[in-house]
Amino acid sequence: MPIDATLPYDETNVFARILRGEIPARRVYEDEHALAFHDLNPQAPVHILVIPKGAYVSWDDFSERAPDAEIAGFVRAIGHVARAQGLVAPGYRLLANAGMNSGQEVPHLHIHLFGGCPLGPMLAR
């Protein structure tokens, strides 16, 4: 069910529970600002979710409230994961859904990192 990205942060969301260690995840990267793990329902040969460790609902929420060091650390974590997965030369896609019209399902900012094959056009035509 898509969520309204303007709602308050829900501490019971699945990503908050992963961060607290209540739900397992196949982790590929972690530092003080971010956690990256394989998506349970991959849409490409490589499909990794990168989430900030702070309680942010959407990119808008994150960009407004997160300290500069956290924003920089999160962006660097995404780049690190892309490089570590060997996706830079062949190319990859980043996707962040925000709010109901985008189909955001988990009320915690997350970036989908897709790669490992030609991904086709951005949106169905």
PDB file of N, CA and C in Angstrom:
ATOM      1  N   MET A   1       0.843  -1.177   0.000  1.00  0.00           N
ATOM      2  CA  MET A   1       0.000   0.000   0.000  1.00  0.00           C
ATOM      3  C   MET A   1       0.890   1.241   0.000  1.00  0.00           C
ATOM      4  N   PRO A   2       0.750   2.121  -0.988  1.00  0.00           N
ATOM      5  CA  PRO A   2       1.553   3.345  -1.026  1.00  0.00           C
ATOM      6  C   PRO A   2       1.288   4.218   0.195  1.00  0.00           C
ATOM      7  N   ILE A   3       2.308   4.950   0.607  1.00  0.00           N
ATOM      8  CA  ILE A   3       2.200   5.791   1.795  1.00  0.00           C
ATOM      9  C   ILE A   3       2.306   7.264   1.442  1.00  0.00           C
ATOM     10  N   ASP A   4       1.863   8.086   2.347  1.00  0.00           N
ATOM     11  CA  ASP A   4       1.972   9.534   2.226  1.00  0.00           C
ATOM     12  C   ASP A   4       3.301   9.944   2.852  1.00  0.00           C
ATOM     13  N   ALA A   5       4.242  10.432   2.025  1.00  0.00           N
ATOM     14  CA  ALA A   5       5.591  10.757   2.492  1.00  0.00           C
ATOM     15  C   ALA A   5       5.611  11.946   3.454  1.00  0.00           C
ATOM     16  N   THR A   6       4.486  12.610   3.661  1.00  0.00           N
ATOM     17  CA  THR A   6       4.446  13.721   4.614  1.00  0.00           C
ATOM     18  C   THR A   6       4.036  13.256   6.008  1.00  0.00           C
ATOM     19  N   LEU A   7       3.710  11.966   6.154  1.00  0.00           N
ATOM     20  CA  LEU A   7       3.325  11.440   7.466  1.00  0.00           C
ATOM     21  C   LEU A   7       4.532  11.377   8.389  1.00  0.00           C
ATOM     22  N   PRO A   8       4.301  11.353   9.693  1.00  0.00           N
ATOM     23  CA  PRO A   8       5.419  11.193  10.632  1.00  0.00           C
ATOM     24  C   PRO A   8       6.085   9.831  10.441  1.00  0.00           C
ATOM     25  N   TYR A   9       7.324   9.739  10.858  1.00  0.00           N
ATOM     26  CA  TYR A   9       8.081   8.498  10.741  1.00  0.00           C
ATOM     27  C   TYR A   9       7.448   7.411  11.614  1.00  0.00           C
ATOM     28  N   ASP A  10       7.342   6.209  11.080  1.00  0.00           N
ATOM     29  CA  ASP A  10       6.769   5.065  11.794  1.00  0.00           C
ATOM     30  C   ASP A  10       7.908   4.148  12.225  1.00  0.00           C
ATOM     31  N   GLU A  11       8.188   4.100  13.520  1.00  0.00           N
ATOM     32  CA  GLU A  11       9.291   3.297  14.070  1.00  0.00           C
ATOM     33  C   GLU A  11       9.107   1.799  13.883  1.00  0.00           C
ATOM     34  N   THR A  12       7.909   1.369  13.468  1.00  0.00           N
ATOM     35  CA  THR A  12       7.666  -0.063  13.281  1.00  0.00           C
ATOM     36  C   THR A  12       7.846  -0.506  11.839  1.00  0.00           C
ATOM     37  N   ASN A  13       8.257   0.397  10.941  1.00  0.00           N
ATOM     38  CA  ASN A  13       8.413   0.003   9.538  1.00  0.00           C
ATOM     39  C   ASN A  13       9.521  -1.037   9.401  1.00  0.00           C
ATOM     40  N   VAL A  14       9.471  -1.800   8.316  1.00  0.00           N
ATOM     41  CA  VAL A  14      10.379  -2.931   8.134  1.00  0.00           C
ATOM     42  C   VAL A  14      11.850  -2.506   8.126  1.00  0.00           C
ATOM     43  N   PHE A  15      12.176  -1.355   7.557  1.00  0.00           N
ATOM     44  CA  PHE A  15      13.582  -0.934   7.517  1.00  0.00           C
ATOM     45  C   PHE A  15      14.079  -0.508   8.893  1.00  0.00           C
ATOM     46  N   ALA A  16      13.220   0.127   9.686  1.00  0.00           N
ATOM     47  CA  ALA A  16      13.598   0.458  11.071  1.00  0.00           C
ATOM     48  C   ALA A  16      13.864  -0.832  11.841  1.00  0.00           C
ATOM     49  N   ARG A  17      13.072  -1.835  11.586  1.00  0.00           N
ATOM     50  CA  ARG A  17      13.249  -3.124  12.262  1.00  0.00           C
ATOM     51  C   ARG A  17      14.530  -3.822  11.802  1.00  0.00           C
ATOM     52  N   ILE A  18      14.875  -3.693  10.524  1.00  0.00           N
ATOM     53  CA  ILE A  18      16.152  -4.234  10.027  1.00  0.00           C
ATOM     54  C   ILE A  18      17.307  -3.507  10.704  1.00  0.00           C
ATOM     55  N   LEU A  19      17.231  -2.181  10.785  1.00  0.00           N
ATOM     56  CA  LEU A  19      18.292  -1.407  11.435  1.00  0.00           C
ATOM     57  C   LEU A  19      18.487  -1.813  12.898  1.00  0.00           C
ATOM     58  N   ARG A  20      17.403  -2.145  13.570  1.00  0.00           N
ATOM     59  CA  ARG A  20      17.490  -2.567  14.976  1.00  0.00           C
ATOM     60  C   ARG A  20      17.891  -4.033  15.129  1.00  0.00           C
ATOM     61  N   GLY A  21      18.026  -4.767  14.012  1.00  0.00           N
ATOM     62  CA  GLY A  21      18.412  -6.173  14.072  1.00  0.00           C
ATOM     63  C   GLY A  21      17.265  -7.113  14.378  1.00  0.00           C
ATOM     64  N   GLU A  22      16.033  -6.636  14.304  1.00  0.00           N
ATOM     65  CA  GLU A  22      14.863  -7.469  14.582  1.00  0.00           C
ATOM     66  C   GLU A  22      14.494  -8.359  13.399  1.00  0.00           C
ATOM     67  N   ILE A  23      14.888  -7.931  12.205  1.00  0.00           N
ATOM     68  CA  ILE A  23      14.625  -8.685  10.973  1.00  0.00           C
ATOM     69  C   ILE A  23      15.964  -8.853  10.266  1.00  0.00           C
ATOM     70  N   PRO A  24      16.294 -10.057   9.816  1.00  0.00           N
ATOM     71  CA  PRO A  24      17.568 -10.250   9.117  1.00  0.00           C
ATOM     72  C   PRO A  24      17.548  -9.638   7.717  1.00  0.00           C
ATOM     73  N   ALA A  25      18.718  -9.308   7.230  1.00  0.00           N
ATOM     74  CA  ALA A  25      18.885  -8.800   5.867  1.00  0.00           C
ATOM     75  C   ALA A  25      20.242  -9.262   5.358  1.00  0.00           C
ATOM     76  N   ARG A  26      20.343  -9.485   4.060  1.00  0.00           N
ATOM     77  CA  ARG A  26      21.625  -9.848   3.445  1.00  0.00           C
ATOM     78  C   ARG A  26      22.398  -8.554   3.182  1.00  0.00           C
ATOM     79  N   ARG A  27      23.163  -8.137   4.162  1.00  0.00           N
ATOM     80  CA  ARG A  27      23.864  -6.855   4.146  1.00  0.00           C
ATOM     81  C   ARG A  27      25.065  -6.906   3.203  1.00  0.00           C
ATOM     82  N   VAL A  28      25.263  -5.811   2.464  1.00  0.00           N
ATOM     83  CA  VAL A  28      26.440  -5.704   1.594  1.00  0.00           C
ATOM     84  C   VAL A  28      27.336  -4.545   1.996  1.00  0.00           C
ATOM     85  N   TYR A  29      26.809  -3.613   2.791  1.00  0.00           N
ATOM     86  CA  TYR A  29      27.606  -2.466   3.223  1.00  0.00           C
ATOM     87  C   TYR A  29      26.933  -1.840   4.433  1.00  0.00           C
ATOM     88  N   GLU A  30      27.776  -1.348   5.351  1.00  0.00           N
ATOM     89  CA  GLU A  30      27.252  -0.607   6.490  1.00  0.00           C
ATOM     90  C   GLU A  30      28.334   0.321   7.016  1.00  0.00           C
ATOM     91  N   ASP A  31      27.924   1.539   7.347  1.00  0.00           N
ATOM     92  CA  ASP A  31      28.806   2.477   8.028  1.00  0.00           C
ATOM     93  C   ASP A  31      27.947   3.272   9.006  1.00  0.00           C
ATOM     94  N   GLU A  32      28.467   4.352   9.544  1.00  0.00           N
ATOM     95  CA  GLU A  32      27.722   5.104  10.557  1.00  0.00           C
ATOM     96  C   GLU A  32      26.469   5.791  10.020  1.00  0.00           C
ATOM     97  N   HIS A  33      26.411   6.006   8.692  1.00  0.00           N
ATOM     98  CA  HIS A  33      25.287   6.741   8.108  1.00  0.00           C
ATOM     99  C   HIS A  33      24.307   5.893   7.325  1.00  0.00           C
ATOM    100  N   ALA A  34      24.718   4.720   6.847  1.00  0.00           N
ATOM    101  CA  ALA A  34      23.886   3.980   5.897  1.00  0.00           C
ATOM    102  C   ALA A  34      24.035   2.473   6.062  1.00  0.00           C
ATOM    103  N   LEU A  35      23.018   1.790   5.563  1.00  0.00           N
ATOM    104  CA  LEU A  35      23.022   0.337   5.484  1.00  0.00           C
ATOM    105  C   LEU A  35      22.548  -0.040   4.094  1.00  0.00           C
ATOM    106  N   ALA A  36      23.220  -1.009   3.464  1.00  0.00           N
ATOM    107  CA  ALA A  36      22.822  -1.503   2.142  1.00  0.00           C
ATOM    108  C   ALA A  36      22.631  -3.011   2.237  1.00  0.00           C
ATOM    109  N   PHE A  37      21.566  -3.487   1.599  1.00  0.00           N
ATOM    110  CA  PHE A  37      21.257  -4.914   1.645  1.00  0.00           C
ATOM    111  C   PHE A  37      20.473  -5.306   0.396  1.00  0.00           C
ATOM    112  N   HIS A  38      20.505  -6.598   0.084  1.00  0.00           N
ATOM    113  CA  HIS A  38      19.802  -7.116  -1.085  1.00  0.00           C
ATOM    114  C   HIS A  38      18.291  -7.035  -0.889  1.00  0.00           C
ATOM    115  N   ASP A  39      17.588  -6.648  -1.949  1.00  0.00           N
ATOM    116  CA  ASP A  39      16.130  -6.625  -1.934  1.00  0.00           C
ATOM    117  C   ASP A  39      15.617  -8.065  -1.911  1.00  0.00           C
ATOM    118  N   LEU A  40      14.562  -8.320  -1.147  1.00  0.00           N
ATOM    119  CA  LEU A  40      13.991  -9.670  -1.073  1.00  0.00           C
ATOM    120  C   LEU A  40      13.267 -10.086  -2.347  1.00  0.00           C
ATOM    121  N   ASN A  41      12.847  -9.120  -3.154  1.00  0.00           N
ATOM    122  CA  ASN A  41      12.128  -9.395  -4.392  1.00  0.00           C
ATOM    123  C   ASN A  41      12.828  -8.657  -5.531  1.00  0.00           C
ATOM    124  N   PRO A  42      14.031  -9.123  -5.922  1.00  0.00           N
ATOM    125  CA  PRO A  42      14.832  -8.350  -6.891  1.00  0.00           C
ATOM    126  C   PRO A  42      14.151  -8.184  -8.241  1.00  0.00           C
ATOM    127  N   GLN A  43      14.303  -6.979  -8.777  1.00  0.00           N
ATOM    128  CA  GLN A  43      13.746  -6.635 -10.084  1.00  0.00           C
ATOM    129  C   GLN A  43      14.823  -6.568 -11.162  1.00  0.00           C
ATOM    130  N   ALA A  44      16.057  -6.897 -10.817  1.00  0.00           N
ATOM    131  CA  ALA A  44      17.198  -6.922 -11.738  1.00  0.00           C
ATOM    132  C   ALA A  44      18.219  -7.882 -11.124  1.00  0.00           C
ATOM    133  N   PRO A  45      19.215  -8.328 -11.901  1.00  0.00           N
ATOM    134  CA  PRO A  45      20.232  -9.219 -11.339  1.00  0.00           C
ATOM    135  C   PRO A  45      20.897  -8.652 -10.089  1.00  0.00           C
ATOM    136  N   VAL A  46      21.116  -7.329 -10.064  1.00  0.00           N
ATOM    137  CA  VAL A  46      21.577  -6.654  -8.852  1.00  0.00           C
ATOM    138  C   VAL A  46      20.461  -5.697  -8.447  1.00  0.00           C
ATOM    139  N   HIS A  47      19.945  -5.880  -7.248  1.00  0.00           N
ATOM    140  CA  HIS A  47      18.908  -4.989  -6.711  1.00  0.00           C
ATOM    141  C   HIS A  47      19.184  -4.854  -5.225  1.00  0.00           C
ATOM    142  N   ILE A  48      19.793  -3.738  -4.881  1.00  0.00           N
ATOM    143  CA  ILE A  48      20.213  -3.468  -3.515  1.00  0.00           C
ATOM    144  C   ILE A  48      19.485  -2.234  -3.012  1.00  0.00           C
ATOM    145  N   LEU A  49      19.058  -2.284  -1.772  1.00  0.00           N
ATOM    146  CA  LEU A  49      18.449  -1.131  -1.119  1.00  0.00           C
ATOM    147  C   LEU A  49      19.497  -0.465  -0.245  1.00  0.00           C
ATOM    148  N   VAL A  50      19.571   0.854  -0.321  1.00  0.00           N
ATOM    149  CA  VAL A  50      20.466   1.624   0.531  1.00  0.00           C
ATOM    150  C   VAL A  50      19.580   2.558   1.348  1.00  0.00           C
ATOM    151  N   ILE A  51      19.730   2.481   2.679  1.00  0.00           N
ATOM    152  CA  ILE A  51      18.896   3.291   3.561  1.00  0.00           C
ATOM    153  C   ILE A  51      19.770   4.097   4.513  1.00  0.00           C
ATOM    154  N   PRO A  52      19.336   5.319   4.844  1.00  0.00           N
ATOM    155  CA  PRO A  52      20.049   6.045   5.888  1.00  0.00           C
ATOM    156  C   PRO A  52      19.701   5.434   7.239  1.00  0.00           C
ATOM    157  N   LYS A  53      20.573   5.581   8.197  1.00  0.00           N
ATOM    158  CA  LYS A  53      20.302   5.036   9.526  1.00  0.00           C
ATOM    159  C   LYS A  53      19.371   5.928  10.337  1.00  0.00           C
ATOM    160  N   GLY A  54      19.205   7.164   9.923  1.00  0.00           N
ATOM    161  CA  GLY A  54      18.292   8.062  10.612  1.00  0.00           C
ATOM    162  C   GLY A  54      16.847   7.821  10.225  1.00  0.00           C
ATOM    163  N   ALA A  55      15.936   8.371  11.007  1.00  0.00           N
ATOM    164  CA  ALA A  55      14.492   8.194  10.827  1.00  0.00           C
ATOM    165  C   ALA A  55      13.940   9.240   9.864  1.00  0.00           C
ATOM    166  N   TYR A  56      13.982   8.923   8.578  1.00  0.00           N
ATOM    167  CA  TYR A  56      13.500   9.827   7.532  1.00  0.00           C
ATOM    168  C   TYR A  56      12.497   9.091   6.658  1.00  0.00           C
ATOM    169  N   VAL A  57      11.376   9.728   6.375  1.00  0.00           N
ATOM    170  CA  VAL A  57      10.328   9.102   5.573  1.00  0.00           C
ATOM    171  C   VAL A  57      10.663   9.119   4.087  1.00  0.00           C
ATOM    172  N   SER A  58      11.221  10.223   3.601  1.00  0.00           N
ATOM    173  CA  SER A  58      11.404  10.410   2.156  1.00  0.00           C
ATOM    174  C   SER A  58      12.637  11.268   1.885  1.00  0.00           C
ATOM    175  N   TRP A  59      12.957  11.397   0.599  1.00  0.00           N
ATOM    176  CA  TRP A  59      14.080  12.240   0.206  1.00  0.00           C
ATOM    177  C   TRP A  59      13.845  13.675   0.647  1.00  0.00           C
ATOM    178  N   ASP A  60      12.613  14.152   0.532  1.00  0.00           N
ATOM    179  CA  ASP A  60      12.294  15.516   0.947  1.00  0.00           C
ATOM    180  C   ASP A  60      12.548  15.702   2.443  1.00  0.00           C
ATOM    181  N   ASP A  61      12.084  14.746   3.241  1.00  0.00           N
ATOM    182  CA  ASP A  61      12.283  14.778   4.685  1.00  0.00           C
ATOM    183  C   ASP A  61      13.774  14.757   5.022  1.00  0.00           C
ATOM    184  N   PHE A  62      14.510  13.860   4.384  1.00  0.00           N
ATOM    185  CA  PHE A  62      15.947  13.708   4.603  1.00  0.00           C
ATOM    186  C   PHE A  62      16.702  14.983   4.243  1.00  0.00           C
ATOM    187  N   SER A  63      16.409  15.538   3.074  1.00  0.00           N
ATOM    188  CA  SER A  63      17.149  16.726   2.625  1.00  0.00           C
ATOM    189  C   SER A  63      16.844  17.945   3.481  1.00  0.00           C
ATOM    190  N   GLU A  64      15.695  17.960   4.109  1.00  0.00           N
ATOM    191  CA  GLU A  64      15.333  19.085   4.971  1.00  0.00           C
ATOM    192  C   GLU A  64      15.918  18.956   6.388  1.00  0.00           C
ATOM    193  N   ARG A  65      15.946  17.747   6.946  1.00  0.00           N
ATOM    194  CA  ARG A  65      16.279  17.581   8.354  1.00  0.00           C
ATOM    195  C   ARG A  65      17.647  16.979   8.660  1.00  0.00           C
ATOM    196  N   ALA A  66      18.210  16.218   7.748  1.00  0.00           N
ATOM    197  CA  ALA A  66      19.472  15.530   8.062  1.00  0.00           C
ATOM    198  C   ALA A  66      20.640  16.519   8.093  1.00  0.00           C
ATOM    199  N   PRO A  67      21.586  16.298   9.001  1.00  0.00           N
ATOM    200  CA  PRO A  67      22.795  17.121   9.009  1.00  0.00           C
ATOM    201  C   PRO A  67      23.619  16.880   7.741  1.00  0.00           C
ATOM    202  N   ASP A  68      24.416  17.866   7.376  1.00  0.00           N
ATOM    203  CA  ASP A  68      25.223  17.766   6.157  1.00  0.00           C
ATOM    204  C   ASP A  68      26.088  16.511   6.123  1.00  0.00           C
ATOM    205  N   ALA A  69      26.691  16.155   7.248  1.00  0.00           N
ATOM    206  CA  ALA A  69      27.565  14.972   7.281  1.00  0.00           C
ATOM    207  C   ALA A  69      26.779  13.701   6.989  1.00  0.00           C
ATOM    208  N   GLU A  70      25.549  13.635   7.464  1.00  0.00           N
ATOM    209  CA  GLU A  70      24.722  12.456   7.211  1.00  0.00           C
ATOM    210  C   GLU A  70      24.307  12.382   5.745  1.00  0.00           C
ATOM    211  N   ILE A  71      23.960  13.514   5.158  1.00  0.00           N
ATOM    212  CA  ILE A  71      23.609  13.544   3.732  1.00  0.00           C
ATOM    213  C   ILE A  71      24.807  13.108   2.900  1.00  0.00           C
ATOM    214  N   ALA A  72      25.967  13.687   3.165  1.00  0.00           N
ATOM    215  CA  ALA A  72      27.173  13.321   2.415  1.00  0.00           C
ATOM    216  C   ALA A  72      27.517  11.851   2.615  1.00  0.00           C
ATOM    217  N   GLY A  73      27.407  11.363   3.834  1.00  0.00           N
ATOM    218  CA  GLY A  73      27.721   9.963   4.109  1.00  0.00           C
ATOM    219  C   GLY A  73      26.794   9.010   3.389  1.00  0.00           C
ATOM    220  N   PHE A  74      25.512   9.350   3.327  1.00  0.00           N
ATOM    221  CA  PHE A  74      24.532   8.513   2.638  1.00  0.00           C
ATOM    222  C   PHE A  74      24.814   8.474   1.136  1.00  0.00           C
ATOM    223  N   VAL A  75      25.049   9.631   0.552  1.00  0.00           N
ATOM    224  CA  VAL A  75      25.345   9.694  -0.884  1.00  0.00           C
ATOM    225  C   VAL A  75      26.632   8.922  -1.189  1.00  0.00           C
ATOM    226  N   ARG A  76      27.636   9.069  -0.362  1.00  0.00           N
ATOM    227  CA  ARG A  76      28.894   8.327  -0.560  1.00  0.00           C
ATOM    228  C   ARG A  76      28.677   6.826  -0.426  1.00  0.00           C
ATOM    229  N   ALA A  77      27.815   6.411   0.487  1.00  0.00           N
ATOM    230  CA  ALA A  77      27.519   4.984   0.653  1.00  0.00           C
ATOM    231  C   ALA A  77      26.903   4.409  -0.620  1.00  0.00           C
ATOM    232  N   ILE A  78      26.014   5.152  -1.250  1.00  0.00           N
ATOM    233  CA  ILE A  78      25.404   4.688  -2.498  1.00  0.00           C
ATOM    234  C   ILE A  78      26.484   4.491  -3.558  1.00  0.00           C
ATOM    235  N   GLY A  79      27.375   5.468  -3.696  1.00  0.00           N
ATOM    236  CA  GLY A  79      28.475   5.342  -4.657  1.00  0.00           C
ATOM    237  C   GLY A  79      29.390   4.179  -4.335  1.00  0.00           C
ATOM    238  N   HIS A  80      29.683   3.982  -3.054  1.00  0.00           N
ATOM    239  CA  HIS A  80      30.539   2.871  -2.643  1.00  0.00           C
ATOM    240  C   HIS A  80      29.923   1.534  -3.055  1.00  0.00           C
ATOM    241  N   VAL A  81      28.633   1.371  -2.808  1.00  0.00           N
ATOM    242  CA  VAL A  81      27.956   0.116  -3.147  1.00  0.00           C
ATOM    243  C   VAL A  81      27.974  -0.102  -4.659  1.00  0.00           C
ATOM    244  N   ALA A  82      27.713   0.929  -5.443  1.00  0.00           N
ATOM    245  CA  ALA A  82      27.743   0.790  -6.906  1.00  0.00           C
ATOM    246  C   ALA A  82      29.123   0.349  -7.380  1.00  0.00           C
ATOM    247  N   ARG A  83      30.170   0.954  -6.828  1.00  0.00           N
ATOM    248  CA  ARG A  83      31.535   0.562  -7.206  1.00  0.00           C
ATOM    249  C   ARG A  83      31.842  -0.863  -6.767  1.00  0.00           C
ATOM    250  N   ALA A  84      31.490  -1.207  -5.536  1.00  0.00           N
ATOM    251  CA  ALA A  84      31.791  -2.534  -4.992  1.00  0.00           C
ATOM    252  C   ALA A  84      31.064  -3.635  -5.761  1.00  0.00           C
ATOM    253  N   GLN A  85      29.917  -3.324  -6.325  1.00  0.00           N
ATOM    254  CA  GLN A  85      29.139  -4.304  -7.085  1.00  0.00           C
ATOM    255  C   GLN A  85      29.568  -4.364  -8.555  1.00  0.00           C
ATOM    256  N   GLY A  86      30.561  -3.543  -8.945  1.00  0.00           N
ATOM    257  CA  GLY A  86      31.044  -3.542 -10.326  1.00  0.00           C
ATOM    258  C   GLY A  86      30.068  -2.949 -11.317  1.00  0.00           C
ATOM    259  N   LEU A  87      29.267  -1.975 -10.877  1.00  0.00           N
ATOM    260  CA  LEU A  87      28.204  -1.439 -11.731  1.00  0.00           C
ATOM    261  C   LEU A  87      28.555  -0.145 -12.445  1.00  0.00           C
ATOM    262  N   VAL A  88      29.681   0.468 -12.118  1.00  0.00           N
ATOM    263  CA  VAL A  88      29.982   1.785 -12.678  1.00  0.00           C
ATOM    264  C   VAL A  88      30.191   1.713 -14.186  1.00  0.00           C
ATOM    265  N   ALA A  89      31.051   0.838 -14.666  1.00  0.00           N
ATOM    266  CA  ALA A  89      31.343   0.774 -16.100  1.00  0.00           C
ATOM    267  C   ALA A  89      30.125   0.359 -16.930  1.00  0.00           C
ATOM    268  N   PRO A  90      29.397  -0.696 -16.555  1.00  0.00           N
ATOM    269  CA  PRO A  90      28.251  -1.067 -17.380  1.00  0.00           C
ATOM    270  C   PRO A  90      27.043  -0.154 -17.173  1.00  0.00           C
ATOM    271  N   GLY A  91      26.957   0.490 -16.024  1.00  0.00           N
ATOM    272  CA  GLY A  91      25.850   1.397 -15.735  1.00  0.00           C
ATOM    273  C   GLY A  91      24.857   0.803 -14.758  1.00  0.00           C
ATOM    274  N   TYR A  92      24.128   1.683 -14.114  1.00  0.00           N
ATOM    275  CA  TYR A  92      23.144   1.267 -13.118  1.00  0.00           C
ATOM    276  C   TYR A  92      22.073   2.336 -13.006  1.00  0.00           C
ATOM    277  N   ARG A  93      21.022   2.011 -12.296  1.00  0.00           N
ATOM    278  CA  ARG A  93      19.924   2.957 -12.073  1.00  0.00           C
ATOM    279  C   ARG A  93      19.697   3.105 -10.580  1.00  0.00           C
ATOM    280  N   LEU A  94      19.422   4.341 -10.163  1.00  0.00           N
ATOM    281  CA  LEU A  94      19.008   4.639  -8.798  1.00  0.00           C
ATOM    282  C   LEU A  94      17.555   5.077  -8.841  1.00  0.00           C
ATOM    283  N   LEU A  95      16.766   4.610  -7.892  1.00  0.00           N
ATOM    284  CA  LEU A  95      15.358   4.978  -7.838  1.00  0.00           C
ATOM    285  C   LEU A  95      14.969   5.223  -6.389  1.00  0.00           C
ATOM    286  N   ALA A  96      14.313   6.351  -6.153  1.00  0.00           N
ATOM    287  CA  ALA A  96      13.769   6.643  -4.821  1.00  0.00           C
ATOM    288  C   ALA A  96      12.322   7.068  -5.005  1.00  0.00           C
ATOM    289  N   ASN A  97      11.397   6.294  -4.478  1.00  0.00           N
ATOM    290  CA  ASN A  97       9.986   6.651  -4.513  1.00  0.00           C
ATOM    291  C   ASN A  97       9.678   7.528  -3.303  1.00  0.00           C
ATOM    292  N   ALA A  98       8.802   8.510  -3.496  1.00  0.00           N
ATOM    293  CA  ALA A  98       8.421   9.397  -2.397  1.00  0.00           C
ATOM    294  C   ALA A  98       6.929   9.669  -2.472  1.00  0.00           C
ATOM    295  N   GLY A  99       6.192   9.113  -1.554  1.00  0.00           N
ATOM    296  CA  GLY A  99       4.769   9.395  -1.453  1.00  0.00           C
ATOM    297  C   GLY A  99       3.868   8.484  -2.262  1.00  0.00           C
ATOM    298  N   MET A 100       2.591   8.749  -2.139  1.00  0.00           N
ATOM    299  CA  MET A 100       1.555   7.893  -2.721  1.00  0.00           C
ATOM    300  C   MET A 100       1.643   7.778  -4.240  1.00  0.00           C
ATOM    301  N   ASN A 101       1.814   8.877  -4.952  1.00  0.00           N
ATOM    302  CA  ASN A 101       1.818   8.813  -6.407  1.00  0.00           C
ATOM    303  C   ASN A 101       3.000   8.037  -6.966  1.00  0.00           C
ATOM    304  N   SER A 102       4.049   7.892  -6.194  1.00  0.00           N
ATOM    305  CA  SER A 102       5.226   7.154  -6.666  1.00  0.00           C
ATOM    306  C   SER A 102       5.125   5.669  -6.362  1.00  0.00           C
ATOM    307  N   GLY A 103       4.238   5.299  -5.455  1.00  0.00           N
ATOM    308  CA  GLY A 103       4.123   3.907  -5.038  1.00  0.00           C
ATOM    309  C   GLY A 103       5.036   3.546  -3.873  1.00  0.00           C
ATOM    310  N   GLN A 104       5.525   4.544  -3.120  1.00  0.00           N
ATOM    311  CA  GLN A 104       6.370   4.247  -1.963  1.00  0.00           C
ATOM    312  C   GLN A 104       5.603   3.355  -0.992  1.00  0.00           C
ATOM    313  N   GLU A 105       6.202   2.228  -0.621  1.00  0.00           N
ATOM    314  CA  GLU A 105       5.531   1.260   0.243  1.00  0.00           C
ATOM    315  C   GLU A 105       6.075   1.230   1.666  1.00  0.00           C
ATOM    316  N   VAL A 106       7.341   1.594   1.848  1.00  0.00           N
ATOM    317  CA  VAL A 106       7.938   1.585   3.193  1.00  0.00           C
ATOM    318  C   VAL A 106       8.245   3.027   3.578  1.00  0.00           C
ATOM    319  N   PRO A 107       7.726   3.494   4.719  1.00  0.00           N
ATOM    320  CA  PRO A 107       7.910   4.890   5.110  1.00  0.00           C
ATOM    321  C   PRO A 107       9.270   5.165   5.756  1.00  0.00           C
ATOM    322  N   HIS A 108      10.322   4.744   5.055  1.00  0.00           N
ATOM    323  CA  HIS A 108      11.709   5.042   5.435  1.00  0.00           C
ATOM    324  C   HIS A 108      12.435   5.300   4.122  1.00  0.00           C
ATOM    325  N   LEU A 109      13.121   6.435   4.016  1.00  0.00           N
ATOM    326  CA  LEU A 109      13.852   6.738   2.787  1.00  0.00           C
ATOM    327  C   LEU A 109      14.698   5.546   2.392  1.00  0.00           C
ATOM    328  N   HIS A 110      14.606   5.150   1.133  1.00  0.00           N
ATOM    329  CA  HIS A 110      15.456   4.089   0.606  1.00  0.00           C
ATOM    330  C   HIS A 110      15.696   4.315  -0.872  1.00  0.00           C
ATOM    331  N   ILE A 111      16.904   3.979  -1.273  1.00  0.00           N
ATOM    332  CA  ILE A 111      17.305   4.072  -2.672  1.00  0.00           C
ATOM    333  C   ILE A 111      17.426   2.655  -3.206  1.00  0.00           C
ATOM    334  N   HIS A 112      16.750   2.395  -4.319  1.00  0.00           N
ATOM    335  CA  HIS A 112      16.919   1.126  -5.027  1.00  0.00           C
ATOM    336  C   HIS A 112      18.090   1.301  -5.976  1.00  0.00           C
ATOM    337  N   LEU A 113      19.052   0.412  -5.932  1.00  0.00           N
ATOM    338  CA  LEU A 113      20.175   0.404  -6.860  1.00  0.00           C
ATOM    339  C   LEU A 113      20.002  -0.842  -7.736  1.00  0.00           C
ATOM    340  N   PHE A 114      19.760  -0.615  -9.036  1.00  0.00           N
ATOM    341  CA  PHE A 114      19.531  -1.697  -9.993  1.00  0.00           C
ATOM    342  C   PHE A 114      20.702  -1.788 -10.957  1.00  0.00           C
ATOM    343  N   GLY A 115      21.069  -2.988 -11.344  1.00  0.00           N
ATOM    344  CA  GLY A 115      22.107  -3.166 -12.356  1.00  0.00           C
ATOM    345  C   GLY A 115      22.261  -4.627 -12.718  1.00  0.00           C
ATOM    346  N   GLY A 116      23.307  -4.894 -13.496  1.00  0.00           N
ATOM    347  CA  GLY A 116      23.616  -6.253 -13.876  1.00  0.00           C
ATOM    348  C   GLY A 116      23.028  -6.682 -15.200  1.00  0.00           C
ATOM    349  N   CYS A 117      22.288  -5.796 -15.865  1.00  0.00           N
ATOM    350  CA  CYS A 117      21.721  -6.090 -17.189  1.00  0.00           C
ATOM    351  C   CYS A 117      21.225  -4.777 -17.784  1.00  0.00           C
ATOM    352  N   PRO A 118      20.939  -4.749 -19.092  1.00  0.00           N
ATOM    353  CA  PRO A 118      20.311  -3.552 -19.656  1.00  0.00           C
ATOM    354  C   PRO A 118      18.944  -3.350 -18.991  1.00  0.00           C
ATOM    355  N   LEU A 119      18.667  -2.161 -18.530  1.00  0.00           N
ATOM    356  CA  LEU A 119      17.470  -1.901 -17.750  1.00  0.00           C
ATOM    357  C   LEU A 119      16.308  -1.330 -18.555  1.00  0.00           C
ATOM    358  N   GLY A 120      16.545  -0.962 -19.795  1.00  0.00           N
ATOM    359  CA  GLY A 120      15.464  -0.445 -20.602  1.00  0.00           C
ATOM    360  C   GLY A 120      15.105   0.986 -20.250  1.00  0.00           C
ATOM    361  N   PRO A 121      13.986   1.467 -20.806  1.00  0.00           N
ATOM    362  CA  PRO A 121      13.595   2.861 -20.554  1.00  0.00           C
ATOM    363  C   PRO A 121      13.188   3.072 -19.105  1.00  0.00           C
ATOM    364  N   MET A 122      13.281   4.295 -18.680  1.00  0.00           N
ATOM    365  CA  MET A 122      12.982   4.659 -17.299  1.00  0.00           C
ATOM    366  C   MET A 122      11.525   4.363 -16.942  1.00  0.00           C
ATOM    367  N   LEU A 123      10.600   4.766 -17.776  1.00  0.00           N
ATOM    368  CA  LEU A 123       9.166   4.546 -17.541  1.00  0.00           C
ATOM    369  C   LEU A 123       8.571   3.818 -18.733  1.00  0.00           C
ATOM    370  N   ALA A 124       7.570   3.003 -18.470  1.00  0.00           N
ATOM    371  CA  ALA A 124       6.869   2.327 -19.571  1.00  0.00           C
ATOM    372  C   ALA A 124       6.196   3.393 -20.417  1.00  0.00           C
ATOM    373  N   ARG A 125       6.263   3.222 -21.711  1.00  0.00           N
ATOM    374  CA  ARG A 125       5.671   4.223 -22.608  1.00  0.00           C
ATOM    375  C   ARG A 125       4.307   3.788 -23.093  1.00  0.00           C
TER     376      ARG A 125
END
